[in-house]
């Protein structure tokens, strides 16, 4: 419960030390989608910790992007990536990078 409260507070206050994952499901045959995904990620290398790419079917890919940085910027990049044409699903899961003090 404490962790959930810290997470909510970090994202609401747009903390400098927020973290999260963005999961995308998309059609890799969509014209220029792969290039746009790559460009947006390269333009925000300071926020992107890592990515995982998996092939679900012949046409569908799953990408999980681990993000860390100011919450406002994480929300912004997630919104940009989710908004690309050809993205079928995009979900941002928030985490807090702040320490729990007992």
PDB file of N, CA and C in Angstrom:
ATOM      1  N   UNK A   1       0.816  -1.174   0.000  1.00  0.00           N
ATOM      2  CA  UNK A   1       0.000   0.000   0.000  1.00  0.00           C
ATOM      3  C   UNK A   1       0.873   1.257   0.000  1.00  0.00           C
ATOM      4  N   UNK A   2       1.960   1.237   0.739  1.00  0.00           N
ATOM      5  CA  UNK A   2       2.873   2.374   0.765  1.00  0.00           C
ATOM      6  C   UNK A   2       3.478   2.584  -0.620  1.00  0.00           C
ATOM      7  N   UNK A   3       3.860   1.496  -1.254  1.00  0.00           N
ATOM      8  CA  UNK A   3       4.450   1.584  -2.594  1.00  0.00           C
ATOM      9  C   UNK A   3       3.455   2.186  -3.585  1.00  0.00           C
ATOM     10  N   UNK A   4       2.190   1.792  -3.531  1.00  0.00           N
ATOM     11  CA  UNK A   4       1.174   2.362  -4.416  1.00  0.00           C
ATOM     12  C   UNK A   4       1.010   3.856  -4.180  1.00  0.00           C
ATOM     13  N   UNK A   5       1.028   4.271  -2.929  1.00  0.00           N
ATOM     14  CA  UNK A   5       0.914   5.690  -2.603  1.00  0.00           C
ATOM     15  C   UNK A   5       2.110   6.468  -3.136  1.00  0.00           C
ATOM     16  N   UNK A   6       3.310   5.932  -2.968  1.00  0.00           N
ATOM     17  CA  UNK A   6       4.508   6.591  -3.493  1.00  0.00           C
ATOM     18  C   UNK A   6       4.472   6.690  -5.010  1.00  0.00           C
ATOM     19  N   UNK A   7       4.015   5.629  -5.652  1.00  0.00           N
ATOM     20  CA  UNK A   7       3.927   5.622  -7.102  1.00  0.00           C
ATOM     21  C   UNK A   7       2.960   6.692  -7.585  1.00  0.00           C
ATOM     22  N   UNK A   8       1.778   6.727  -6.997  1.00  0.00           N
ATOM     23  CA  UNK A   8       0.776   7.729  -7.386  1.00  0.00           C
ATOM     24  C   UNK A   8       1.318   9.131  -7.162  1.00  0.00           C
ATOM     25  N   UNK A   9       1.931   9.361  -6.012  1.00  0.00           N
ATOM     26  CA  UNK A   9       2.462  10.691  -5.699  1.00  0.00           C
ATOM     27  C   UNK A   9       3.565  11.074  -6.684  1.00  0.00           C
ATOM     28  N   UNK A  10       4.462  10.150  -6.987  1.00  0.00           N
ATOM     29  CA  UNK A  10       5.568  10.445  -7.906  1.00  0.00           C
ATOM     30  C   UNK A  10       5.038  10.864  -9.275  1.00  0.00           C
ATOM     31  N   UNK A  11       3.999  10.180  -9.749  1.00  0.00           N
ATOM     32  CA  UNK A  11       3.462  10.493 -11.063  1.00  0.00           C
ATOM     33  C   UNK A  11       2.606  11.754 -11.034  1.00  0.00           C
ATOM     34  N   UNK A  12       1.862  11.971  -9.963  1.00  0.00           N
ATOM     35  CA  UNK A  12       1.047  13.186  -9.876  1.00  0.00           C
ATOM     36  C   UNK A  12       1.918  14.426  -9.727  1.00  0.00           C
ATOM     37  N   UNK A  13       2.994  14.321  -8.958  1.00  0.00           N
ATOM     38  CA  UNK A  13       3.887  15.455  -8.735  1.00  0.00           C
ATOM     39  C   UNK A  13       4.934  15.568  -9.837  1.00  0.00           C
ATOM     40  N   UNK A  14       4.857  14.665 -10.784  1.00  0.00           N
ATOM     41  CA  UNK A  14       5.788  14.616 -11.906  1.00  0.00           C
ATOM     42  C   UNK A  14       7.225  14.587 -11.407  1.00  0.00           C
ATOM     43  N   UNK A  15       7.436  13.648 -10.507  1.00  0.00           N
ATOM     44  CA  UNK A  15       8.725  13.433  -9.854  1.00  0.00           C
ATOM     45  C   UNK A  15       9.863  13.287 -10.859  1.00  0.00           C
ATOM     46  N   UNK A  16      11.039  13.669 -10.418  1.00  0.00           N
ATOM     47  CA  UNK A  16      12.230  13.490 -11.236  1.00  0.00           C
ATOM     48  C   UNK A  16      12.639  12.021 -11.313  1.00  0.00           C
ATOM     49  N   UNK A  17      12.138  11.204 -10.415  1.00  0.00           N
ATOM     50  CA  UNK A  17      12.589   9.818 -10.340  1.00  0.00           C
ATOM     51  C   UNK A  17      11.436   8.842 -10.512  1.00  0.00           C
ATOM     52  N   UNK A  18      10.693   9.014 -11.595  1.00  0.00           N
ATOM     53  CA  UNK A  18       9.597   8.101 -11.906  1.00  0.00           C
ATOM     54  C   UNK A  18      10.117   7.011 -12.851  1.00  0.00           C
ATOM     55  N   UNK A  19       9.385   5.917 -12.910  1.00  0.00           N
ATOM     56  CA  UNK A  19       9.744   4.814 -13.797  1.00  0.00           C
ATOM     57  C   UNK A  19       8.465   4.160 -14.292  1.00  0.00           C
ATOM     58  N   UNK A  20       8.591   3.372 -15.335  1.00  0.00           N
ATOM     59  CA  UNK A  20       7.423   2.676 -15.847  1.00  0.00           C
ATOM     60  C   UNK A  20       7.775   1.811 -17.030  1.00  0.00           C
ATOM     61  N   UNK A  21       6.783   1.064 -17.471  1.00  0.00           N
ATOM     62  CA  UNK A  21       6.923   0.278 -18.693  1.00  0.00           C
ATOM     63  C   UNK A  21       5.812   0.683 -19.643  1.00  0.00           C
ATOM     64  N   UNK A  22       6.153   0.728 -20.901  1.00  0.00           N
ATOM     65  CA  UNK A  22       5.167   0.965 -21.949  1.00  0.00           C
ATOM     66  C   UNK A  22       5.128  -0.283 -22.810  1.00  0.00           C
ATOM     67  N   UNK A  23       3.955  -0.903 -22.877  1.00  0.00           N
ATOM     68  CA  UNK A  23       3.776  -2.102 -23.694  1.00  0.00           C
ATOM     69  C   UNK A  23       2.994  -1.722 -24.938  1.00  0.00           C
ATOM     70  N   UNK A  24       3.542  -2.065 -26.090  1.00  0.00           N
ATOM     71  CA  UNK A  24       2.911  -1.769 -27.373  1.00  0.00           C
ATOM     72  C   UNK A  24       2.681  -3.057 -28.147  1.00  0.00           C
ATOM     73  N   UNK A  25       1.528  -3.155 -28.785  1.00  0.00           N
ATOM     74  CA  UNK A  25       1.251  -4.220 -29.744  1.00  0.00           C
ATOM     75  C   UNK A  25       0.971  -3.517 -31.060  1.00  0.00           C
ATOM     76  N   UNK A  26       1.672  -3.928 -32.105  1.00  0.00           N
ATOM     77  CA  UNK A  26       1.527  -3.217 -33.376  1.00  0.00           C
ATOM     78  C   UNK A  26       1.758  -4.118 -34.577  1.00  0.00           C
ATOM     79  N   UNK A  27       1.315  -3.608 -35.728  1.00  0.00           N
ATOM     80  CA  UNK A  27       1.459  -4.280 -37.005  1.00  0.00           C
ATOM     81  C   UNK A  27       2.788  -3.835 -37.621  1.00  0.00           C
ATOM     82  N   UNK A  28       3.739  -4.746 -37.680  1.00  0.00           N
ATOM     83  CA  UNK A  28       5.047  -4.346 -38.188  1.00  0.00           C
ATOM     84  C   UNK A  28       5.068  -4.155 -39.697  1.00  0.00           C
ATOM     85  N   UNK A  29       3.981  -4.498 -40.374  1.00  0.00           N
ATOM     86  CA  UNK A  29       3.883  -4.267 -41.819  1.00  0.00           C
ATOM     87  C   UNK A  29       3.389  -2.856 -42.131  1.00  0.00           C
ATOM     88  N   UNK A  30       2.925  -2.139 -41.138  1.00  0.00           N
ATOM     89  CA  UNK A  30       2.422  -0.775 -41.349  1.00  0.00           C
ATOM     90  C   UNK A  30       3.565   0.097 -41.877  1.00  0.00           C
ATOM     91  N   UNK A  31       3.292   0.770 -42.970  1.00  0.00           N
ATOM     92  CA  UNK A  31       4.314   1.580 -43.633  1.00  0.00           C
ATOM     93  C   UNK A  31       4.952   2.578 -42.672  1.00  0.00           C
ATOM     94  N   UNK A  32       6.265   2.545 -42.590  1.00  0.00           N
ATOM     95  CA  UNK A  32       7.103   3.470 -41.834  1.00  0.00           C
ATOM     96  C   UNK A  32       6.910   3.431 -40.314  1.00  0.00           C
ATOM     97  N   UNK A  33       6.084   2.527 -39.789  1.00  0.00           N
ATOM     98  CA  UNK A  33       5.871   2.475 -38.342  1.00  0.00           C
ATOM     99  C   UNK A  33       7.161   2.117 -37.605  1.00  0.00           C
ATOM    100  N   UNK A  34       7.869   1.129 -38.076  1.00  0.00           N
ATOM    101  CA  UNK A  34       9.114   0.736 -37.436  1.00  0.00           C
ATOM    102  C   UNK A  34      10.114   1.885 -37.386  1.00  0.00           C
ATOM    103  N   UNK A  35      10.210   2.630 -38.477  1.00  0.00           N
ATOM    104  CA  UNK A  35      11.118   3.775 -38.514  1.00  0.00           C
ATOM    105  C   UNK A  35      10.683   4.856 -37.526  1.00  0.00           C
ATOM    106  N   UNK A  36       9.393   5.091 -37.417  1.00  0.00           N
ATOM    107  CA  UNK A  36       8.892   6.119 -36.497  1.00  0.00           C
ATOM    108  C   UNK A  36       9.118   5.706 -35.037  1.00  0.00           C
ATOM    109  N   UNK A  37       8.863   4.420 -34.741  1.00  0.00           N
ATOM    110  CA  UNK A  37       9.123   3.916 -33.390  1.00  0.00           C
ATOM    111  C   UNK A  37      10.597   4.090 -33.022  1.00  0.00           C
ATOM    112  N   UNK A  38      11.455   3.715 -33.935  1.00  0.00           N
ATOM    113  CA  UNK A  38      12.893   3.804 -33.685  1.00  0.00           C
ATOM    114  C   UNK A  38      13.330   5.253 -33.524  1.00  0.00           C
ATOM    115  N   UNK A  39      12.840   6.142 -34.382  1.00  0.00           N
ATOM    116  CA  UNK A  39      13.224   7.551 -34.292  1.00  0.00           C
ATOM    117  C   UNK A  39      12.795   8.161 -32.962  1.00  0.00           C
ATOM    118  N   UNK A  40      11.552   7.929 -32.556  1.00  0.00           N
ATOM    119  CA  UNK A  40      11.088   8.473 -31.280  1.00  0.00           C
ATOM    120  C   UNK A  40      11.920   7.946 -30.112  1.00  0.00           C
ATOM    121  N   UNK A  41      12.254   6.669 -30.168  1.00  0.00           N
ATOM    122  CA  UNK A  41      13.064   6.100 -29.091  1.00  0.00           C
ATOM    123  C   UNK A  41      14.476   6.681 -29.100  1.00  0.00           C
ATOM    124  N   UNK A  42      15.053   6.861 -30.270  1.00  0.00           N
ATOM    125  CA  UNK A  42      16.398   7.435 -30.353  1.00  0.00           C
ATOM    126  C   UNK A  42      16.406   8.905 -29.928  1.00  0.00           C
ATOM    127  N   UNK A  43      15.305   9.601 -30.146  1.00  0.00           N
ATOM    128  CA  UNK A  43      15.195  11.004 -29.736  1.00  0.00           C
ATOM    129  C   UNK A  43      15.058  11.147 -28.218  1.00  0.00           C
ATOM    130  N   UNK A  44      14.800  10.041 -27.510  1.00  0.00           N
ATOM    131  CA  UNK A  44      14.585  10.077 -26.063  1.00  0.00           C
ATOM    132  C   UNK A  44      15.432   9.031 -25.343  1.00  0.00           C
ATOM    133  N   UNK A  45      16.675   8.898 -25.744  1.00  0.00           N
ATOM    134  CA  UNK A  45      17.539   7.884 -25.127  1.00  0.00           C
ATOM    135  C   UNK A  45      17.793   8.159 -23.646  1.00  0.00           C
ATOM    136  N   UNK A  46      17.601   9.402 -23.214  1.00  0.00           N
ATOM    137  CA  UNK A  46      17.782   9.715 -21.803  1.00  0.00           C
ATOM    138  C   UNK A  46      16.652   9.160 -20.942  1.00  0.00           C
ATOM    139  N   UNK A  47      15.529   8.785 -21.556  1.00  0.00           N
ATOM    140  CA  UNK A  47      14.376   8.248 -20.820  1.00  0.00           C
ATOM    141  C   UNK A  47      14.255   6.734 -20.949  1.00  0.00           C
ATOM    142  N   UNK A  48      14.790   6.177 -22.010  1.00  0.00           N
ATOM    143  CA  UNK A  48      14.593   4.758 -22.306  1.00  0.00           C
ATOM    144  C   UNK A  48      15.755   3.945 -21.760  1.00  0.00           C
ATOM    145  N   UNK A  49      15.430   3.062 -20.828  1.00  0.00           N
ATOM    146  CA  UNK A  49      16.436   2.215 -20.191  1.00  0.00           C
ATOM    147  C   UNK A  49      16.709   0.989 -21.056  1.00  0.00           C
ATOM    148  N   UNK A  50      15.631   0.387 -21.561  1.00  0.00           N
ATOM    149  CA  UNK A  50      15.771  -0.843 -22.325  1.00  0.00           C
ATOM    150  C   UNK A  50      14.481  -1.116 -23.097  1.00  0.00           C
ATOM    151  N   UNK A  51      14.590  -1.936 -24.126  1.00  0.00           N
ATOM    152  CA  UNK A  51      13.400  -2.388 -24.856  1.00  0.00           C
ATOM    153  C   UNK A  51      13.493  -3.892 -25.081  1.00  0.00           C
ATOM    154  N   UNK A  52      12.329  -4.498 -25.162  1.00  0.00           N
ATOM    155  CA  UNK A  52      12.209  -5.918 -25.476  1.00  0.00           C
ATOM    156  C   UNK A  52      11.252  -6.023 -26.648  1.00  0.00           C
ATOM    157  N   UNK A  53      11.653  -6.740 -27.667  1.00  0.00           N
ATOM    158  CA  UNK A  53      10.825  -6.896 -28.861  1.00  0.00           C
ATOM    159  C   UNK A  53      10.549  -8.382 -29.065  1.00  0.00           C
ATOM    160  N   UNK A  54       9.269  -8.717 -29.285  1.00  0.00           N
ATOM    161  CA  UNK A  54       8.896 -10.116 -29.531  1.00  0.00           C
ATOM    162  C   UNK A  54       7.917 -10.180 -30.695  1.00  0.00           C
ATOM    163  N   UNK A  55       8.026 -11.218 -31.473  1.00  0.00           N
ATOM    164  CA  UNK A  55       7.121 -11.449 -32.597  1.00  0.00           C
ATOM    165  C   UNK A  55       5.975 -12.325 -32.109  1.00  0.00           C
ATOM    166  N   UNK A  56       4.755 -11.796 -32.178  1.00  0.00           N
ATOM    167  CA  UNK A  56       3.580 -12.548 -31.723  1.00  0.00           C
ATOM    168  C   UNK A  56       3.023 -13.432 -32.829  1.00  0.00           C
ATOM    169  N   UNK A  57       2.910 -12.860 -34.011  1.00  0.00           N
ATOM    170  CA  UNK A  57       2.438 -13.589 -35.196  1.00  0.00           C
ATOM    171  C   UNK A  57       3.255 -13.083 -36.378  1.00  0.00           C
ATOM    172  N   UNK A  58       2.890 -13.523 -37.558  1.00  0.00           N
ATOM    173  CA  UNK A  58       3.559 -13.032 -38.765  1.00  0.00           C
ATOM    174  C   UNK A  58       3.413 -11.522 -38.906  1.00  0.00           C
ATOM    175  N   UNK A  59       2.299 -10.967 -38.443  1.00  0.00           N
ATOM    176  CA  UNK A  59       2.017  -9.543 -38.614  1.00  0.00           C
ATOM    177  C   UNK A  59       2.178  -8.706 -37.346  1.00  0.00           C
ATOM    178  N   UNK A  60       2.032  -9.317 -36.180  1.00  0.00           N
ATOM    179  CA  UNK A  60       2.007  -8.555 -34.931  1.00  0.00           C
ATOM    180  C   UNK A  60       3.306  -8.668 -34.134  1.00  0.00           C
ATOM    181  N   UNK A  61       3.697  -7.529 -33.577  1.00  0.00           N
ATOM    182  CA  UNK A  61       4.861  -7.481 -32.691  1.00  0.00           C
ATOM    183  C   UNK A  61       4.438  -6.917 -31.343  1.00  0.00           C
ATOM    184  N   UNK A  62       5.162  -7.310 -30.324  1.00  0.00           N
ATOM    185  CA  UNK A  62       4.991  -6.797 -28.966  1.00  0.00           C
ATOM    186  C   UNK A  62       6.303  -6.133 -28.593  1.00  0.00           C
ATOM    187  N   UNK A  63       6.215  -4.922 -28.069  1.00  0.00           N
ATOM    188  CA  UNK A  63       7.407  -4.231 -27.614  1.00  0.00           C
ATOM    189  C   UNK A  63       7.152  -3.712 -26.209  1.00  0.00           C
ATOM    190  N   UNK A  64       8.091  -3.967 -25.310  1.00  0.00           N
ATOM    191  CA  UNK A  64       8.021  -3.460 -23.944  1.00  0.00           C
ATOM    192  C   UNK A  64       9.198  -2.514 -23.775  1.00  0.00           C
ATOM    193  N   UNK A  65       8.887  -1.284 -23.391  1.00  0.00           N
ATOM    194  CA  UNK A  65       9.907  -0.246 -23.245  1.00  0.00           C
ATOM    195  C   UNK A  65       9.976   0.147 -21.771  1.00  0.00           C
ATOM    196  N   UNK A  66      11.149   0.043 -21.197  1.00  0.00           N
ATOM    197  CA  UNK A  66      11.347   0.447 -19.799  1.00  0.00           C
ATOM    198  C   UNK A  66      11.800   1.899 -19.799  1.00  0.00           C
ATOM    199  N   UNK A  67      11.070   2.716 -19.034  1.00  0.00           N
ATOM    200  CA  UNK A  67      11.299   4.160 -18.998  1.00  0.00           C
ATOM    201  C   UNK A  67      11.691   4.606 -17.596  1.00  0.00           C
ATOM    202  N   UNK A  68      12.533   5.650 -17.537  1.00  0.00           N
ATOM    203  CA  UNK A  68      12.863   6.244 -16.243  1.00  0.00           C
ATOM    204  C   UNK A  68      13.233   7.704 -16.460  1.00  0.00           C
ATOM    205  N   UNK A  69      12.659   8.571 -15.611  1.00  0.00           N
ATOM    206  CA  UNK A  69      12.927  10.000 -15.713  1.00  0.00           C
ATOM    207  C   UNK A  69      11.771  10.787 -15.143  1.00  0.00           C
ATOM    208  N   UNK A  70      11.690  12.075 -15.477  1.00  0.00           N
ATOM    209  CA  UNK A  70      10.581  12.901 -15.000  1.00  0.00           C
ATOM    210  C   UNK A  70       9.236  12.381 -15.526  1.00  0.00           C
ATOM    211  N   UNK A  71       8.261  12.261 -14.647  1.00  0.00           N
ATOM    212  CA  UNK A  71       6.971  11.675 -15.015  1.00  0.00           C
ATOM    213  C   UNK A  71       6.332  12.382 -16.202  1.00  0.00           C
ATOM    214  N   UNK A  72       6.411  13.699 -16.241  1.00  0.00           N
ATOM    215  CA  UNK A  72       5.806  14.441 -17.359  1.00  0.00           C
ATOM    216  C   UNK A  72       6.398  14.000 -18.690  1.00  0.00           C
ATOM    217  N   UNK A  73       7.714  13.822 -18.728  1.00  0.00           N
ATOM    218  CA  UNK A  73       8.359  13.404 -19.975  1.00  0.00           C
ATOM    219  C   UNK A  73       8.037  11.952 -20.318  1.00  0.00           C
ATOM    220  N   UNK A  74       7.906  11.104 -19.298  1.00  0.00           N
ATOM    221  CA  UNK A  74       7.539   9.707 -19.559  1.00  0.00           C
ATOM    222  C   UNK A  74       6.134   9.624 -20.130  1.00  0.00           C
ATOM    223  N   UNK A  75       5.223  10.396 -19.557  1.00  0.00           N
ATOM    224  CA  UNK A  75       3.844  10.421 -20.078  1.00  0.00           C
ATOM    225  C   UNK A  75       3.831  10.924 -21.514  1.00  0.00           C
ATOM    226  N   UNK A  76       4.649  11.928 -21.790  1.00  0.00           N
ATOM    227  CA  UNK A  76       4.685  12.516 -23.124  1.00  0.00           C
ATOM    228  C   UNK A  76       5.198  11.525 -24.165  1.00  0.00           C
ATOM    229  N   UNK A  77       6.321  10.871 -23.897  1.00  0.00           N
ATOM    230  CA  UNK A  77       6.858   9.912 -24.866  1.00  0.00           C
ATOM    231  C   UNK A  77       5.912   8.729 -25.030  1.00  0.00           C
ATOM    232  N   UNK A  78       5.288   8.290 -23.937  1.00  0.00           N
ATOM    233  CA  UNK A  78       4.326   7.185 -24.033  1.00  0.00           C
ATOM    234  C   UNK A  78       3.152   7.584 -24.919  1.00  0.00           C
ATOM    235  N   UNK A  79       2.670   8.795 -24.762  1.00  0.00           N
ATOM    236  CA  UNK A  79       1.559   9.284 -25.570  1.00  0.00           C
ATOM    237  C   UNK A  79       1.944   9.355 -27.052  1.00  0.00           C
ATOM    238  N   UNK A  80       3.135   9.837 -27.320  1.00  0.00           N
ATOM    239  CA  UNK A  80       3.598   9.915 -28.710  1.00  0.00           C
ATOM    240  C   UNK A  80       3.703   8.535 -29.339  1.00  0.00           C
ATOM    241  N   UNK A  81       4.269   7.595 -28.616  1.00  0.00           N
ATOM    242  CA  UNK A  81       4.431   6.241 -29.153  1.00  0.00           C
ATOM    243  C   UNK A  81       3.084   5.555 -29.343  1.00  0.00           C
ATOM    244  N   UNK A  82       2.189   5.687 -28.356  1.00  0.00           N
ATOM    245  CA  UNK A  82       0.859   5.066 -28.468  1.00  0.00           C
ATOM    246  C   UNK A  82       0.057   5.666 -29.604  1.00  0.00           C
ATOM    247  N   UNK A  83       0.318   6.908 -29.937  1.00  0.00           N
ATOM    248  CA  UNK A  83      -0.454   7.609 -30.955  1.00  0.00           C
ATOM    249  C   UNK A  83      -0.050   7.318 -32.388  1.00  0.00           C
ATOM    250  N   UNK A  84       1.013   6.564 -32.585  1.00  0.00           N
ATOM    251  CA  UNK A  84       1.441   6.264 -33.947  1.00  0.00           C
ATOM    252  C   UNK A  84       0.430   5.353 -34.643  1.00  0.00           C
ATOM    253  N   UNK A  85       0.191   5.617 -35.922  1.00  0.00           N
ATOM    254  CA  UNK A  85      -0.729   4.774 -36.698  1.00  0.00           C
ATOM    255  C   UNK A  85      -0.142   3.379 -36.841  1.00  0.00           C
ATOM    256  N   UNK A  86      -0.975   2.382 -36.556  1.00  0.00           N
ATOM    257  CA  UNK A  86      -0.534   0.994 -36.604  1.00  0.00           C
ATOM    258  C   UNK A  86      -0.342   0.392 -35.228  1.00  0.00           C
ATOM    259  N   UNK A  87      -0.368   1.245 -34.182  1.00  0.00           N
ATOM    260  CA  UNK A  87      -0.290   0.742 -32.811  1.00  0.00           C
ATOM    261  C   UNK A  87      -1.692   0.292 -32.413  1.00  0.00           C
ATOM    262  N   UNK A  88      -1.856  -0.986 -32.114  1.00  0.00           N
ATOM    263  CA  UNK A  88      -3.168  -1.514 -31.742  1.00  0.00           C
ATOM    264  C   UNK A  88      -3.450  -1.348 -30.253  1.00  0.00           C
ATOM    265  N   UNK A  89      -2.401  -1.458 -29.449  1.00  0.00           N
ATOM    266  CA  UNK A  89      -2.570  -1.325 -27.998  1.00  0.00           C
ATOM    267  C   UNK A  89      -1.316  -0.706 -27.437  1.00  0.00           C
ATOM    268  N   UNK A  90      -1.508   0.196 -26.506  1.00  0.00           N
ATOM    269  CA  UNK A  90      -0.380   0.813 -25.821  1.00  0.00           C
ATOM    270  C   UNK A  90      -0.779   1.074 -24.384  1.00  0.00           C
ATOM    271  N   UNK A  91      -0.030   0.515 -23.454  1.00  0.00           N
ATOM    272  CA  UNK A  91      -0.382   0.670 -22.040  1.00  0.00           C
ATOM    273  C   UNK A  91       0.855   1.040 -21.229  1.00  0.00           C
ATOM    274  N   UNK A  92       0.737   2.145 -20.497  1.00  0.00           N
ATOM    275  CA  UNK A  92       1.801   2.606 -19.623  1.00  0.00           C
ATOM    276  C   UNK A  92       1.499   2.135 -18.203  1.00  0.00           C
ATOM    277  N   UNK A  93       2.441   1.427 -17.606  1.00  0.00           N
ATOM    278  CA  UNK A  93       2.317   0.980 -16.224  1.00  0.00           C
ATOM    279  C   UNK A  93       3.331   1.762 -15.410  1.00  0.00           C
ATOM    280  N   UNK A  94       2.848   2.458 -14.413  1.00  0.00           N
ATOM    281  CA  UNK A  94       3.685   3.331 -13.625  1.00  0.00           C
ATOM    282  C   UNK A  94       4.351   2.592 -12.468  1.00  0.00           C
ATOM    283  N   UNK A  95       5.546   3.059 -12.158  1.00  0.00           N
ATOM    284  CA  UNK A  95       6.266   2.573 -10.986  1.00  0.00           C
ATOM    285  C   UNK A  95       6.931   3.787 -10.348  1.00  0.00           C
ATOM    286  N   UNK A  96       7.374   3.639  -9.138  1.00  0.00           N
ATOM    287  CA  UNK A  96       8.107   4.701  -8.472  1.00  0.00           C
ATOM    288  C   UNK A  96       9.525   4.235  -8.255  1.00  0.00           C
ATOM    289  N   UNK A  97      10.457   5.142  -8.496  1.00  0.00           N
ATOM    290  CA  UNK A  97      11.844   4.817  -8.261  1.00  0.00           C
ATOM    291  C   UNK A  97      12.321   5.338  -6.910  1.00  0.00           C
ATOM    292  N   UNK A  98      11.403   5.893  -6.131  1.00  0.00           N
ATOM    293  CA  UNK A  98      11.745   6.451  -4.824  1.00  0.00           C
ATOM    294  C   UNK A  98      11.859   5.346  -3.787  1.00  0.00           C
ATOM    295  N   UNK A  99      12.711   5.567  -2.816  1.00  0.00           N
ATOM    296  CA  UNK A  99      12.911   4.604  -1.734  1.00  0.00           C
ATOM    297  C   UNK A  99      11.759   4.684  -0.732  1.00  0.00           C
ATOM    298  N   UNK A 100      11.390   3.539  -0.202  1.00  0.00           N
ATOM    299  CA  UNK A 100      10.426   3.493   0.899  1.00  0.00           C
ATOM    300  C   UNK A 100      11.221   3.607   2.187  1.00  0.00           C
ATOM    301  N   UNK A 101      10.902   4.622   2.969  1.00  0.00           N
ATOM    302  CA  UNK A 101      11.617   4.825   4.234  1.00  0.00           C
ATOM    303  C   UNK A 101      10.751   4.305   5.370  1.00  0.00           C
ATOM    304  N   UNK A 102      11.359   3.488   6.201  1.00  0.00           N
ATOM    305  CA  UNK A 102      10.609   2.923   7.335  1.00  0.00           C
ATOM    306  C   UNK A 102      11.125   3.452   8.649  1.00  0.00           C
TER     307      UNK A 102
END
